[in-house]
Amino acid sequence: MADEEHLKILKEGVKVWNAWRRDNIYEIPDLYGADLRGLDLTYVHFMRTNHGEADLSGAVLRKAFMVGAYLHGANLEEAVLEGADMR
């Protein structure tokens, strides 16, 4: 189950999320099972974020920074991953 506080921050927008990530670099965000379908997450900083079983179908993850993100079971169907760093 996703951390409600983390979901709330993300839903405030990518700029707010990325600022929170800069201030909380050692925290591992938990978005496990989150419904993120169709969201525009261009330039989002998802390093080491738990996306297990999350629904990212149709999400725009263009230029997203997802190094070390946990994506086991995540639905990325029709997600836009152009330029995303998913090492």
Protein backbone atom coordinates (compact mmCIF):
# COMPACT_ATOMS: atom_id res chain seq x y z
CA MET A 1 0.00 0.00 0.00
CA ALA A 2 1.39 3.39 -1.01
CA ASP A 3 2.34 5.89 1.67
CA GLU A 4 -0.53 8.42 1.72
CA GLU A 5 1.81 11.32 2.48
CA HIS A 6 4.00 10.46 -0.51
CA LEU A 7 0.94 10.26 -2.78
CA LYS A 8 -0.29 13.61 -1.51
CA ILE A 9 3.05 15.26 -2.29
CA LEU A 10 3.16 13.74 -5.79
CA LYS A 11 -0.38 14.87 -6.57
CA GLU A 12 0.70 18.46 -5.82
CA GLY A 13 2.81 18.27 -8.97
CA VAL A 14 6.25 17.37 -10.23
CA LYS A 15 7.87 20.62 -9.02
CA VAL A 16 6.62 20.06 -5.48
CA TRP A 17 7.62 16.38 -5.58
CA ASN A 18 11.12 17.13 -6.88
CA ALA A 19 11.64 19.84 -4.23
CA TRP A 20 10.53 17.39 -1.53
CA ARG A 21 12.94 14.78 -2.94
CA ARG A 22 15.84 17.27 -2.80
CA ASP A 23 15.03 17.94 0.85
CA ASN A 24 14.56 14.24 1.68
CA ILE A 25 17.27 12.54 -0.36
CA TYR A 26 17.67 9.63 2.05
CA GLU A 27 13.98 8.74 2.21
CA ILE A 28 12.76 5.91 -0.02
CA PRO A 29 9.37 6.98 -1.36
CA ASP A 30 6.69 4.30 -1.25
CA LEU A 31 4.22 4.40 -4.14
CA TYR A 32 3.53 0.65 -4.03
CA GLY A 33 0.27 -0.12 -5.80
CA ALA A 34 -0.47 3.55 -6.51
CA ASP A 35 -2.83 4.52 -9.32
CA LEU A 36 -0.77 6.93 -11.40
CA ARG A 37 -2.52 6.25 -14.71
CA GLY A 38 -2.19 8.96 -17.31
CA LEU A 39 -0.34 11.47 -15.12
CA ASP A 40 2.15 13.85 -16.71
CA LEU A 41 5.29 13.13 -14.72
CA THR A 42 7.76 14.72 -17.11
CA TYR A 43 11.12 15.36 -15.37
CA VAL A 44 9.99 13.63 -12.16
CA HIS A 45 12.70 12.45 -9.77
CA PHE A 46 11.80 8.85 -8.88
CA MET A 47 15.27 7.61 -7.85
CA ARG A 48 14.95 4.59 -5.51
CA THR A 49 11.15 4.95 -5.41
CA ASN A 50 9.03 1.85 -4.76
CA HIS A 51 6.57 1.46 -7.67
CA GLY A 52 5.87 -2.23 -7.13
CA GLU A 53 2.43 -3.15 -8.53
CA ALA A 54 1.77 0.54 -9.33
CA ASP A 55 -0.35 1.45 -12.36
CA LEU A 56 1.66 3.82 -14.53
CA SER A 57 -0.21 2.97 -17.72
CA GLY A 58 -0.40 5.92 -20.05
CA ALA A 59 1.71 8.05 -17.72
CA VAL A 60 4.13 10.50 -19.32
CA LEU A 61 7.53 9.77 -17.80
CA ARG A 62 9.51 11.73 -20.37
CA LYS A 63 12.99 12.61 -19.04
CA ALA A 64 12.09 10.99 -15.69
CA PHE A 65 15.00 10.10 -13.39
CA MET A 66 14.20 6.56 -12.25
CA VAL A 67 17.62 5.16 -11.36
CA GLY A 68 17.19 2.33 -8.88
CA ALA A 69 13.38 2.52 -8.91
CA TYR A 70 11.62 -0.71 -7.91
CA LEU A 71 9.15 -1.56 -10.70
CA HIS A 72 8.32 -5.23 -10.10
CA GLY A 73 4.75 -5.83 -11.24
CA ALA A 74 4.24 -2.20 -12.28
CA ASN A 75 1.99 -1.59 -15.30
CA LEU A 76 3.86 0.58 -17.81
CA GLU A 77 1.55 -0.18 -20.72
CA GLU A 78 1.50 2.79 -23.13
CA ALA A 79 3.64 4.87 -20.76
CA VAL A 80 5.84 7.44 -22.49
CA LEU A 81 9.42 6.72 -21.40
CA GLU A 82 11.25 8.88 -23.95
CA GLY A 83 14.56 9.97 -22.45
CA ALA A 84 13.83 8.38 -19.06
CA ASP A 85 16.89 7.23 -17.12
CA MET A 86 15.94 3.78 -15.80
CA ARG A 87 19.33 2.32 -14.94
